[in-house]
Amino acid sequence: MNYGYTGYVATQGSDEVDIADFLRSLGFLEDEVFSVVYELNSYRTIPGTTLERYIHRVVSSIVEEERISFLKGLLVGIAIRQVVDTIQDDDEPPLSDEEALLLEELRRLS
């Protein structure tokens, strides 16, 4: 089943990388990727959502036995973001105010 664009795209230099394609290359099924993207997008669209509230909503939906796996994923995501920050081209446009705020919150949480 092809769900199409998930909205999760990263750039590396001039190349765009679809995160869903990357996750499928790691062995995750398309249905798994889509269901997680759908659930996370529903959390992000709640009015007044900050990064802290967003993560709290996600954490509260996780059963106790899966918390360590979630934490591993969160730390890997932070590590990936730090690498992306170091390899971004100097000629990329500056971050928007919202992007800068999210990045600041990520750094504060890491």
PDB file of N, CA and C in Angstrom:
ATOM      1  N   MET A   1       0.855  -1.173   0.000  1.00  0.00           N
ATOM      2  CA  MET A   1       0.000   0.000   0.000  1.00  0.00           C
ATOM      3  C   MET A   1       0.901   1.235   0.000  1.00  0.00           C
ATOM      4  N   ASN A   2       0.616   2.175  -0.851  1.00  0.00           N
ATOM      5  CA  ASN A   2       1.422   3.388  -0.933  1.00  0.00           C
ATOM      6  C   ASN A   2       0.629   4.552  -0.375  1.00  0.00           C
ATOM      7  N   TYR A   3       1.122   5.119   0.731  1.00  0.00           N
ATOM      8  CA  TYR A   3       0.427   6.218   1.372  1.00  0.00           C
ATOM      9  C   TYR A   3       0.881   7.565   0.842  1.00  0.00           C
ATOM     10  N   GLY A   4       1.903   7.579   0.003  1.00  0.00           N
ATOM     11  CA  GLY A   4       2.358   8.841  -0.570  1.00  0.00           C
ATOM     12  C   GLY A   4       3.168   9.661   0.406  1.00  0.00           C
ATOM     13  N   TYR A   5       3.115  10.951   0.219  1.00  0.00           N
ATOM     14  CA  TYR A   5       3.941  11.888   0.962  1.00  0.00           C
ATOM     15  C   TYR A   5       3.569  11.907   2.438  1.00  0.00           C
ATOM     16  N   THR A   6       4.553  11.752   3.306  1.00  0.00           N
ATOM     17  CA  THR A   6       4.308  11.761   4.746  1.00  0.00           C
ATOM     18  C   THR A   6       4.586  13.117   5.365  1.00  0.00           C
ATOM     19  N   GLY A   7       5.276  13.988   4.638  1.00  0.00           N
ATOM     20  CA  GLY A   7       5.609  15.290   5.199  1.00  0.00           C
ATOM     21  C   GLY A   7       6.934  15.303   5.920  1.00  0.00           C
ATOM     22  N   TYR A   8       7.598  14.183   6.007  1.00  0.00           N
ATOM     23  CA  TYR A   8       8.882  14.097   6.693  1.00  0.00           C
ATOM     24  C   TYR A   8       9.992  13.981   5.657  1.00  0.00           C
ATOM     25  N   VAL A   9      10.565  15.118   5.327  1.00  0.00           N
ATOM     26  CA  VAL A   9      11.624  15.170   4.325  1.00  0.00           C
ATOM     27  C   VAL A   9      12.801  15.918   4.929  1.00  0.00           C
ATOM     28  N   ALA A  10      13.986  15.373   4.730  1.00  0.00           N
ATOM     29  CA  ALA A  10      15.201  16.037   5.205  1.00  0.00           C
ATOM     30  C   ALA A  10      16.047  16.382   4.002  1.00  0.00           C
ATOM     31  N   THR A  11      16.877  17.385   4.133  1.00  0.00           N
ATOM     32  CA  THR A  11      17.794  17.729   3.050  1.00  0.00           C
ATOM     33  C   THR A  11      19.215  17.513   3.523  1.00  0.00           C
ATOM     34  N   GLN A  12      20.023  17.038   2.613  1.00  0.00           N
ATOM     35  CA  GLN A  12      21.449  16.901   2.862  1.00  0.00           C
ATOM     36  C   GLN A  12      22.127  17.464   1.624  1.00  0.00           C
ATOM     37  N   GLY A  13      22.690  18.642   1.781  1.00  0.00           N
ATOM     38  CA  GLY A  13      23.215  19.348   0.622  1.00  0.00           C
ATOM     39  C   GLY A  13      22.053  19.707  -0.278  1.00  0.00           C
ATOM     40  N   SER A  14      22.125  19.301  -1.542  1.00  0.00           N
ATOM     41  CA  SER A  14      21.032  19.588  -2.467  1.00  0.00           C
ATOM     42  C   SER A  14      20.084  18.400  -2.614  1.00  0.00           C
ATOM     43  N   ASP A  15      20.356  17.298  -1.897  1.00  0.00           N
ATOM     44  CA  ASP A  15      19.525  16.104  -1.994  1.00  0.00           C
ATOM     45  C   ASP A  15      18.429  16.109  -0.945  1.00  0.00           C
ATOM     46  N   GLU A  16      17.209  15.738  -1.359  1.00  0.00           N
ATOM     47  CA  GLU A  16      16.115  15.560  -0.419  1.00  0.00           C
ATOM     48  C   GLU A  16      16.008  14.083  -0.088  1.00  0.00           C
ATOM     49  N   VAL A  17      15.819  13.783   1.183  1.00  0.00           N
ATOM     50  CA  VAL A  17      15.677  12.407   1.637  1.00  0.00           C
ATOM     51  C   VAL A  17      14.325  12.288   2.314  1.00  0.00           C
ATOM     52  N   ASP A  18      13.476  11.397   1.791  1.00  0.00           N
ATOM     53  CA  ASP A  18      12.191  11.139   2.418  1.00  0.00           C
ATOM     54  C   ASP A  18      12.437  10.224   3.609  1.00  0.00           C
ATOM     55  N   ILE A  19      12.097  10.704   4.795  1.00  0.00           N
ATOM     56  CA  ILE A  19      12.352   9.950   6.010  1.00  0.00           C
ATOM     57  C   ILE A  19      11.607   8.617   5.984  1.00  0.00           C
ATOM     58  N   ALA A  20      10.400   8.592   5.428  1.00  0.00           N
ATOM     59  CA  ALA A  20       9.644   7.344   5.346  1.00  0.00           C
ATOM     60  C   ALA A  20      10.398   6.321   4.497  1.00  0.00           C
ATOM     61  N   ASP A  21      10.974   6.752   3.370  1.00  0.00           N
ATOM     62  CA  ASP A  21      11.775   5.850   2.542  1.00  0.00           C
ATOM     63  C   ASP A  21      12.978   5.332   3.318  1.00  0.00           C
ATOM     64  N   PHE A  22      13.616   6.228   4.057  1.00  0.00           N
ATOM     65  CA  PHE A  22      14.779   5.840   4.860  1.00  0.00           C
ATOM     66  C   PHE A  22      14.375   4.792   5.900  1.00  0.00           C
ATOM     67  N   LEU A  23      13.252   5.006   6.584  1.00  0.00           N
ATOM     68  CA  LEU A  23      12.804   4.053   7.603  1.00  0.00           C
ATOM     69  C   LEU A  23      12.443   2.711   6.987  1.00  0.00           C
ATOM     70  N   ARG A  24      11.829   2.738   5.809  1.00  0.00           N
ATOM     71  CA  ARG A  24      11.520   1.478   5.129  1.00  0.00           C
ATOM     72  C   ARG A  24      12.800   0.745   4.750  1.00  0.00           C
ATOM     73  N   SER A  25      13.838   1.492   4.406  1.00  0.00           N
ATOM     74  CA  SER A  25      15.112   0.840   4.066  1.00  0.00           C
ATOM     75  C   SER A  25      15.738   0.161   5.280  1.00  0.00           C
ATOM     76  N   LEU A  26      15.323   0.571   6.473  1.00  0.00           N
ATOM     77  CA  LEU A  26      15.812  -0.054   7.706  1.00  0.00           C
ATOM     78  C   LEU A  26      14.959  -1.246   8.125  1.00  0.00           C
ATOM     79  N   GLY A  27      13.920  -1.540   7.325  1.00  0.00           N
ATOM     80  CA  GLY A  27      13.106  -2.713   7.595  1.00  0.00           C
ATOM     81  C   GLY A  27      11.739  -2.439   8.191  1.00  0.00           C
ATOM     82  N   PHE A  28      11.399  -1.165   8.406  1.00  0.00           N
ATOM     83  CA  PHE A  28      10.071  -0.854   8.914  1.00  0.00           C
ATOM     84  C   PHE A  28       9.071  -0.962   7.776  1.00  0.00           C
ATOM     85  N   LEU A  29       7.905  -1.541   8.065  1.00  0.00           N
ATOM     86  CA  LEU A  29       6.870  -1.683   7.053  1.00  0.00           C
ATOM     87  C   LEU A  29       6.200  -0.342   6.792  1.00  0.00           C
ATOM     88  N   GLU A  30       5.723  -0.171   5.575  1.00  0.00           N
ATOM     89  CA  GLU A  30       5.058   1.078   5.206  1.00  0.00           C
ATOM     90  C   GLU A  30       3.856   1.354   6.113  1.00  0.00           C
ATOM     91  N   ASP A  31       3.110   0.296   6.456  1.00  0.00           N
ATOM     92  CA  ASP A  31       1.967   0.467   7.360  1.00  0.00           C
ATOM     93  C   ASP A  31       2.415   0.957   8.735  1.00  0.00           C
ATOM     94  N   GLU A  32       3.553   0.446   9.216  1.00  0.00           N
ATOM     95  CA  GLU A  32       4.072   0.890  10.518  1.00  0.00           C
ATOM     96  C   GLU A  32       4.459   2.363  10.466  1.00  0.00           C
ATOM     97  N   VAL A  33       5.176   2.735   9.420  1.00  0.00           N
ATOM     98  CA  VAL A  33       5.615   4.127   9.272  1.00  0.00           C
ATOM     99  C   VAL A  33       4.407   5.044   9.192  1.00  0.00           C
ATOM    100  N   PHE A  34       3.426   4.691   8.353  1.00  0.00           N
ATOM    101  CA  PHE A  34       2.256   5.542   8.187  1.00  0.00           C
ATOM    102  C   PHE A  34       1.478   5.681   9.491  1.00  0.00           C
ATOM    103  N   SER A  35       1.283   4.579  10.220  1.00  0.00           N
ATOM    104  CA  SER A  35       0.481   4.661  11.448  1.00  0.00           C
ATOM    105  C   SER A  35       1.158   5.544  12.484  1.00  0.00           C
ATOM    106  N   VAL A  36       2.480   5.473  12.569  1.00  0.00           N
ATOM    107  CA  VAL A  36       3.200   6.324  13.521  1.00  0.00           C
ATOM    108  C   VAL A  36       3.145   7.784  13.074  1.00  0.00           C
ATOM    109  N   VAL A  37       3.364   8.038  11.786  1.00  0.00           N
ATOM    110  CA  VAL A  37       3.305   9.407  11.269  1.00  0.00           C
ATOM    111  C   VAL A  37       1.909   9.992  11.502  1.00  0.00           C
ATOM    112  N   TYR A  38       0.877   9.209  11.244  1.00  0.00           N
ATOM    113  CA  TYR A  38      -0.503   9.673  11.430  1.00  0.00           C
ATOM    114  C   TYR A  38      -0.754  10.025  12.895  1.00  0.00           C
ATOM    115  N   GLU A  39      -0.326   9.147  13.805  1.00  0.00           N
ATOM    116  CA  GLU A  39      -0.532   9.403  15.234  1.00  0.00           C
ATOM    117  C   GLU A  39       0.235  10.644  15.689  1.00  0.00           C
ATOM    118  N   LEU A  40       1.491  10.759  15.288  1.00  0.00           N
ATOM    119  CA  LEU A  40       2.295  11.906  15.710  1.00  0.00           C
ATOM    120  C   LEU A  40       1.768  13.213  15.121  1.00  0.00           C
ATOM    121  N   ASN A  41       1.315  13.175  13.883  1.00  0.00           N
ATOM    122  CA  ASN A  41       0.734  14.381  13.280  1.00  0.00           C
ATOM    123  C   ASN A  41      -0.522  14.814  14.031  1.00  0.00           C
ATOM    124  N   SER A  42      -1.296  13.850  14.520  1.00  0.00           N
ATOM    125  CA  SER A  42      -2.504  14.218  15.269  1.00  0.00           C
ATOM    126  C   SER A  42      -2.128  14.914  16.574  1.00  0.00           C
ATOM    127  N   TYR A  43      -1.037  14.541  17.201  1.00  0.00           N
ATOM    128  CA  TYR A  43      -0.576  15.234  18.412  1.00  0.00           C
ATOM    129  C   TYR A  43      -0.096  16.644  18.077  1.00  0.00           C
ATOM    130  N   ARG A  44       0.616  16.783  16.959  1.00  0.00           N
ATOM    131  CA  ARG A  44       1.198  18.084  16.596  1.00  0.00           C
ATOM    132  C   ARG A  44       0.145  19.114  16.234  1.00  0.00           C
ATOM    133  N   THR A  45      -1.020  18.673  15.790  1.00  0.00           N
ATOM    134  CA  THR A  45      -2.024  19.616  15.313  1.00  0.00           C
ATOM    135  C   THR A  45      -2.925  20.146  16.427  1.00  0.00           C
ATOM    136  N   ILE A  46      -2.741  19.703  17.649  1.00  0.00           N
ATOM    137  CA  ILE A  46      -3.554  20.207  18.762  1.00  0.00           C
ATOM    138  C   ILE A  46      -3.131  21.643  19.040  1.00  0.00           C
ATOM    139  N   PRO A  47      -4.087  22.589  19.054  1.00  0.00           N
ATOM    140  CA  PRO A  47      -3.736  23.996  19.278  1.00  0.00           C
ATOM    141  C   PRO A  47      -2.975  24.188  20.590  1.00  0.00           C
ATOM    142  N   GLY A  48      -1.972  25.058  20.562  1.00  0.00           N
ATOM    143  CA  GLY A  48      -1.174  25.364  21.748  1.00  0.00           C
ATOM    144  C   GLY A  48      -0.095  24.346  22.052  1.00  0.00           C
ATOM    145  N   THR A  49       0.154  23.435  21.109  1.00  0.00           N
ATOM    146  CA  THR A  49       1.140  22.394  21.352  1.00  0.00           C
ATOM    147  C   THR A  49       2.554  22.964  21.280  1.00  0.00           C
ATOM    148  N   THR A  50       3.289  22.761  22.357  1.00  0.00           N
ATOM    149  CA  THR A  50       4.724  23.069  22.382  1.00  0.00           C
ATOM    150  C   THR A  50       5.466  21.749  22.231  1.00  0.00           C
ATOM    151  N   LEU A  51       6.764  21.805  22.033  1.00  0.00           N
ATOM    152  CA  LEU A  51       7.534  20.571  21.909  1.00  0.00           C
ATOM    153  C   LEU A  51       7.414  19.735  23.179  1.00  0.00           C
ATOM    154  N   GLU A  52       7.463  20.387  24.332  1.00  0.00           N
ATOM    155  CA  GLU A  52       7.361  19.662  25.601  1.00  0.00           C
ATOM    156  C   GLU A  52       6.000  18.963  25.724  1.00  0.00           C
ATOM    157  N   ARG A  53       4.921  19.669  25.385  1.00  0.00           N
ATOM    158  CA  ARG A  53       3.590  19.058  25.439  1.00  0.00           C
ATOM    159  C   ARG A  53       3.472  17.920  24.427  1.00  0.00           C
ATOM    160  N   TYR A  54       4.039  18.125  23.259  1.00  0.00           N
ATOM    161  CA  TYR A  54       4.018  17.112  22.206  1.00  0.00           C
ATOM    162  C   TYR A  54       4.685  15.835  22.697  1.00  0.00           C
ATOM    163  N   ILE A  55       5.886  15.968  23.241  1.00  0.00           N
ATOM    164  CA  ILE A  55       6.605  14.788  23.720  1.00  0.00           C
ATOM    165  C   ILE A  55       5.854  14.152  24.891  1.00  0.00           C
ATOM    166  N   HIS A  56       5.288  14.977  25.780  1.00  0.00           N
ATOM    167  CA  HIS A  56       4.523  14.438  26.904  1.00  0.00           C
ATOM    168  C   HIS A  56       3.338  13.612  26.404  1.00  0.00           C
ATOM    169  N   ARG A  57       2.627  14.087  25.389  1.00  0.00           N
ATOM    170  CA  ARG A  57       1.494  13.337  24.836  1.00  0.00           C
ATOM    171  C   ARG A  57       1.958  12.006  24.268  1.00  0.00           C
ATOM    172  N   VAL A  58       3.093  12.029  23.572  1.00  0.00           N
ATOM    173  CA  VAL A  58       3.618  10.787  23.006  1.00  0.00           C
ATOM    174  C   VAL A  58       4.010   9.830  24.131  1.00  0.00           C
ATOM    175  N   VAL A  59       4.748  10.326  25.119  1.00  0.00           N
ATOM    176  CA  VAL A  59       5.205   9.477  26.224  1.00  0.00           C
ATOM    177  C   VAL A  59       4.014   8.886  26.981  1.00  0.00           C
ATOM    178  N   SER A  60       2.973   9.676  27.190  1.00  0.00           N
ATOM    179  CA  SER A  60       1.827   9.171  27.939  1.00  0.00           C
ATOM    180  C   SER A  60       1.059   8.088  27.184  1.00  0.00           C
ATOM    181  N   SER A  61       1.289   7.972  25.876  1.00  0.00           N
ATOM    182  CA  SER A  61       0.615   6.934  25.094  1.00  0.00           C
ATOM    183  C   SER A  61       1.422   5.640  25.023  1.00  0.00           C
ATOM    184  N   ILE A  62       2.590   5.627  25.644  1.00  0.00           N
ATOM    185  CA  ILE A  62       3.488   4.472  25.562  1.00  0.00           C
ATOM    186  C   ILE A  62       3.326   3.605  26.800  1.00  0.00           C
ATOM    187  N   VAL A  63       3.176   2.315  26.587  1.00  0.00           N
ATOM    188  CA  VAL A  63       3.091   1.397  27.728  1.00  0.00           C
ATOM    189  C   VAL A  63       4.466   1.298  28.384  1.00  0.00           C
ATOM    190  N   GLU A  64       4.469   0.980  29.659  1.00  0.00           N
ATOM    191  CA  GLU A  64       5.682   0.985  30.486  1.00  0.00           C
ATOM    192  C   GLU A  64       6.825   0.184  29.854  1.00  0.00           C
ATOM    193  N   GLU A  65       6.511  -0.962  29.273  1.00  0.00           N
ATOM    194  CA  GLU A  65       7.557  -1.835  28.724  1.00  0.00           C
ATOM    195  C   GLU A  65       8.256  -1.237  27.498  1.00  0.00           C
ATOM    196  N   GLU A  66       7.636  -0.240  26.866  1.00  0.00           N
ATOM    197  CA  GLU A  66       8.198   0.332  25.645  1.00  0.00           C
ATOM    198  C   GLU A  66       8.901   1.668  25.878  1.00  0.00           C
ATOM    199  N   ARG A  67       8.934   2.151  27.124  1.00  0.00           N
ATOM    200  CA  ARG A  67       9.517   3.459  27.414  1.00  0.00           C
ATOM    201  C   ARG A  67      11.005   3.518  27.065  1.00  0.00           C
ATOM    202  N   ILE A  68      11.748   2.456  27.348  1.00  0.00           N
ATOM    203  CA  ILE A  68      13.182   2.440  27.054  1.00  0.00           C
ATOM    204  C   ILE A  68      13.404   2.508  25.551  1.00  0.00           C
ATOM    205  N   SER A  69      12.600   1.778  24.784  1.00  0.00           N
ATOM    206  CA  SER A  69      12.729   1.833  23.322  1.00  0.00           C
ATOM    207  C   SER A  69      12.434   3.235  22.805  1.00  0.00           C
ATOM    208  N   PHE A  70      11.408   3.876  23.366  1.00  0.00           N
ATOM    209  CA  PHE A  70      11.088   5.243  22.959  1.00  0.00           C
ATOM    210  C   PHE A  70      12.247   6.177  23.289  1.00  0.00           C
ATOM    211  N   LEU A  71      12.805   6.049  24.481  1.00  0.00           N
ATOM    212  CA  LEU A  71      13.922   6.896  24.883  1.00  0.00           C
ATOM    213  C   LEU A  71      15.117   6.709  23.950  1.00  0.00           C
ATOM    214  N   LYS A  72      15.392   5.475  23.580  1.00  0.00           N
ATOM    215  CA  LYS A  72      16.470   5.218  22.612  1.00  0.00           C
ATOM    216  C   LYS A  72      16.184   5.954  21.299  1.00  0.00           C
ATOM    217  N   GLY A  73      14.960   5.848  20.816  1.00  0.00           N
ATOM    218  CA  GLY A  73      14.595   6.520  19.575  1.00  0.00           C
ATOM    219  C   GLY A  73      14.714   8.028  19.684  1.00  0.00           C
ATOM    220  N   LEU A  74      14.303   8.573  20.818  1.00  0.00           N
ATOM    221  CA  LEU A  74      14.399  10.008  21.045  1.00  0.00           C
ATOM    222  C   LEU A  74      15.861  10.466  21.038  1.00  0.00           C
ATOM    223  N   LEU A  75      16.712   9.719  21.711  1.00  0.00           N
ATOM    224  CA  LEU A  75      18.137  10.083  21.750  1.00  0.00           C
ATOM    225  C   LEU A  75      18.799   9.934  20.383  1.00  0.00           C
ATOM    226  N   VAL A  76      18.398   8.922  19.623  1.00  0.00           N
ATOM    227  CA  VAL A  76      18.921   8.781  18.264  1.00  0.00           C
ATOM    228  C   VAL A  76      18.469   9.966  17.414  1.00  0.00           C
ATOM    229  N   GLY A  77      17.204  10.373  17.564  1.00  0.00           N
ATOM    230  CA  GLY A  77      16.694  11.527  16.825  1.00  0.00           C
ATOM    231  C   GLY A  77      17.457  12.798  17.157  1.00  0.00           C
ATOM    232  N   ILE A  78      17.773  12.981  18.430  1.00  0.00           N
ATOM    233  CA  ILE A  78      18.545  14.155  18.841  1.00  0.00           C
ATOM    234  C   ILE A  78      19.949  14.094  18.242  1.00  0.00           C
ATOM    235  N   ALA A  79      20.545  12.909  18.259  1.00  0.00           N
ATOM    236  CA  ALA A  79      21.884  12.757  17.678  1.00  0.00           C
ATOM    237  C   ALA A  79      21.867  13.046  16.178  1.00  0.00           C
ATOM    238  N   ILE A  80      20.857  12.561  15.495  1.00  0.00           N
ATOM    239  CA  ILE A  80      20.733  12.828  14.058  1.00  0.00           C
ATOM    240  C   ILE A  80      20.589  14.321  13.818  1.00  0.00           C
ATOM    241  N   ARG A  81      19.770  14.976  14.624  1.00  0.00           N
ATOM    242  CA  ARG A  81      19.569  16.425  14.463  1.00  0.00           C
ATOM    243  C   ARG A  81      20.875  17.184  14.668  1.00  0.00           C
ATOM    244  N   GLN A  82      21.670  16.757  15.652  1.00  0.00           N
ATOM    245  CA  GLN A  82      22.951  17.425  15.901  1.00  0.00           C
ATOM    246  C   GLN A  82      23.890  17.264  14.709  1.00  0.00           C
ATOM    247  N   VAL A  83      23.887  16.084  14.092  1.00  0.00           N
ATOM    248  CA  VAL A  83      24.722  15.861  12.915  1.00  0.00           C
ATOM    249  C   VAL A  83      24.239  16.717  11.763  1.00  0.00           C
ATOM    250  N   VAL A  84      22.921  16.758  11.561  1.00  0.00           N
ATOM    251  CA  VAL A  84      22.360  17.582  10.483  1.00  0.00           C
ATOM    252  C   VAL A  84      22.761  19.033  10.677  1.00  0.00           C
ATOM    253  N   ASP A  85      22.703  19.514  11.925  1.00  0.00           N
ATOM    254  CA  ASP A  85      23.087  20.902  12.198  1.00  0.00           C
ATOM    255  C   ASP A  85      24.535  21.172  11.816  1.00  0.00           C
ATOM    256  N   THR A  86      25.403  20.193  11.972  1.00  0.00           N
ATOM    257  CA  THR A  86      26.818  20.423  11.680  1.00  0.00           C
ATOM    258  C   THR A  86      27.144  20.328  10.193  1.00  0.00           C
ATOM    259  N   ILE A  87      26.297  19.633   9.409  1.00  0.00           N
ATOM    260  CA  ILE A  87      26.614  19.474   7.988  1.00  0.00           C
ATOM    261  C   ILE A  87      25.791  20.369   7.080  1.00  0.00           C
ATOM    262  N   GLN A  88      24.894  21.164   7.648  1.00  0.00           N
ATOM    263  CA  GLN A  88      24.087  22.044   6.808  1.00  0.00           C
ATOM    264  C   GLN A  88      24.981  23.029   6.064  1.00  0.00           C
ATOM    265  N   ASP A  89      24.591  23.300   4.839  1.00  0.00           N
ATOM    266  CA  ASP A  89      25.339  24.260   4.026  1.00  0.00           C
ATOM    267  C   ASP A  89      25.182  25.657   4.603  1.00  0.00           C
ATOM    268  N   ASP A  90      26.221  26.467   4.473  1.00  0.00           N
ATOM    269  CA  ASP A  90      26.165  27.846   4.950  1.00  0.00           C
ATOM    270  C   ASP A  90      25.189  28.694   4.140  1.00  0.00           C
ATOM    271  N   ASP A  91      24.900  28.275   2.913  1.00  0.00           N
ATOM    272  CA  ASP A  91      24.033  29.085   2.073  1.00  0.00           C
ATOM    273  C   ASP A  91      22.545  28.766   2.241  1.00  0.00           C
ATOM    274  N   GLU A  92      22.211  27.898   3.212  1.00  0.00           N
ATOM    275  CA  GLU A  92      20.805  27.615   3.451  1.00  0.00           C
ATOM    276  C   GLU A  92      20.145  28.823   4.108  1.00  0.00           C
ATOM    277  N   PRO A  93      18.867  29.006   3.853  1.00  0.00           N
ATOM    278  CA  PRO A  93      18.178  30.144   4.477  1.00  0.00           C
ATOM    279  C   PRO A  93      18.154  29.980   5.990  1.00  0.00           C
ATOM    280  N   PRO A  94      18.108  31.083   6.711  1.00  0.00           N
ATOM    281  CA  PRO A  94      18.070  30.992   8.174  1.00  0.00           C
ATOM    282  C   PRO A  94      16.778  30.326   8.639  1.00  0.00           C
ATOM    283  N   LEU A  95      16.801  29.774   9.845  1.00  0.00           N
ATOM    284  CA  LEU A  95      15.619  29.140  10.404  1.00  0.00           C
ATOM    285  C   LEU A  95      14.537  30.174  10.665  1.00  0.00           C
ATOM    286  N   SER A  96      13.294  29.744  10.506  1.00  0.00           N
ATOM    287  CA  SER A  96      12.176  30.622  10.861  1.00  0.00           C
ATOM    288  C   SER A  96      12.148  30.738  12.384  1.00  0.00           C
ATOM    289  N   ASP A  97      11.381  31.676  12.901  1.00  0.00           N
ATOM    290  CA  ASP A  97      11.272  31.842  14.355  1.00  0.00           C
ATOM    291  C   ASP A  97      10.770  30.558  15.013  1.00  0.00           C
ATOM    292  N   GLU A  98       9.787  29.920  14.385  1.00  0.00           N
ATOM    293  CA  GLU A  98       9.237  28.687  14.949  1.00  0.00           C
ATOM    294  C   GLU A  98      10.277  27.565  14.929  1.00  0.00           C
ATOM    295  N   GLU A  99      11.017  27.432  13.823  1.00  0.00           N
ATOM    296  CA  GLU A  99      12.056  26.412  13.740  1.00  0.00           C
ATOM    297  C   GLU A  99      13.149  26.657  14.768  1.00  0.00           C
ATOM    298  N   ALA A 100      13.544  27.909  14.942  1.00  0.00           N
ATOM    299  CA  ALA A 100      14.570  28.240  15.928  1.00  0.00           C
ATOM    300  C   ALA A 100      14.094  27.906  17.340  1.00  0.00           C
ATOM    301  N   LEU A 101      12.822  28.175  17.629  1.00  0.00           N
ATOM    302  CA  LEU A 101      12.265  27.871  18.943  1.00  0.00           C
ATOM    303  C   LEU A 101      12.245  26.363  19.180  1.00  0.00           C
ATOM    304  N   LEU A 102      11.830  25.595  18.170  1.00  0.00           N
ATOM    305  CA  LEU A 102      11.820  24.140  18.295  1.00  0.00           C
ATOM    306  C   LEU A 102      13.223  23.597  18.504  1.00  0.00           C
ATOM    307  N   LEU A 103      14.196  24.121  17.768  1.00  0.00           N
ATOM    308  CA  LEU A 103      15.571  23.679  17.918  1.00  0.00           C
ATOM    309  C   LEU A 103      16.091  24.004  19.313  1.00  0.00           C
ATOM    310  N   GLU A 104      15.749  25.173  19.816  1.00  0.00           N
ATOM    311  CA  GLU A 104      16.161  25.561  21.171  1.00  0.00           C
ATOM    312  C   GLU A 104      15.558  24.616  22.209  1.00  0.00           C
ATOM    313  N   GLU A 105      14.279  24.253  22.025  1.00  0.00           N
ATOM    314  CA  GLU A 105      13.640  23.326  22.951  1.00  0.00           C
ATOM    315  C   GLU A 105      14.272  21.945  22.873  1.00  0.00           C
ATOM    316  N   LEU A 106      14.630  21.492  21.658  1.00  0.00           N
ATOM    317  CA  LEU A 106      15.313  20.199  21.504  1.00  0.00           C
ATOM    318  C   LEU A 106      16.644  20.203  22.235  1.00  0.00           C
ATOM    319  N   ARG A 107      17.400  21.269  22.069  1.00  0.00           N
ATOM    320  CA  ARG A 107      18.702  21.370  22.743  1.00  0.00           C
ATOM    321  C   ARG A 107      18.544  21.377  24.251  1.00  0.00           C
ATOM    322  N   ARG A 108      17.499  22.055  24.732  1.00  0.00           N
ATOM    323  CA  ARG A 108      17.247  22.133  26.172  1.00  0.00           C
ATOM    324  C   ARG A 108      16.900  20.748  26.717  1.00  0.00           C
ATOM    325  N   LEU A 109      16.179  19.953  25.937  1.00  0.00           N
ATOM    326  CA  LEU A 109      15.768  18.633  26.375  1.00  0.00           C
ATOM    327  C   LEU A 109      16.876  17.579  26.252  1.00  0.00           C
ATOM    328  N   SER A 110      17.909  17.883  25.467  1.00  0.00           N
ATOM    329  CA  SER A 110      18.961  16.873  25.272  1.00  0.00           C
ATOM    330  C   SER A 110      20.065  16.986  26.280  1.00  0.00           C
TER     331      SER A 110
END
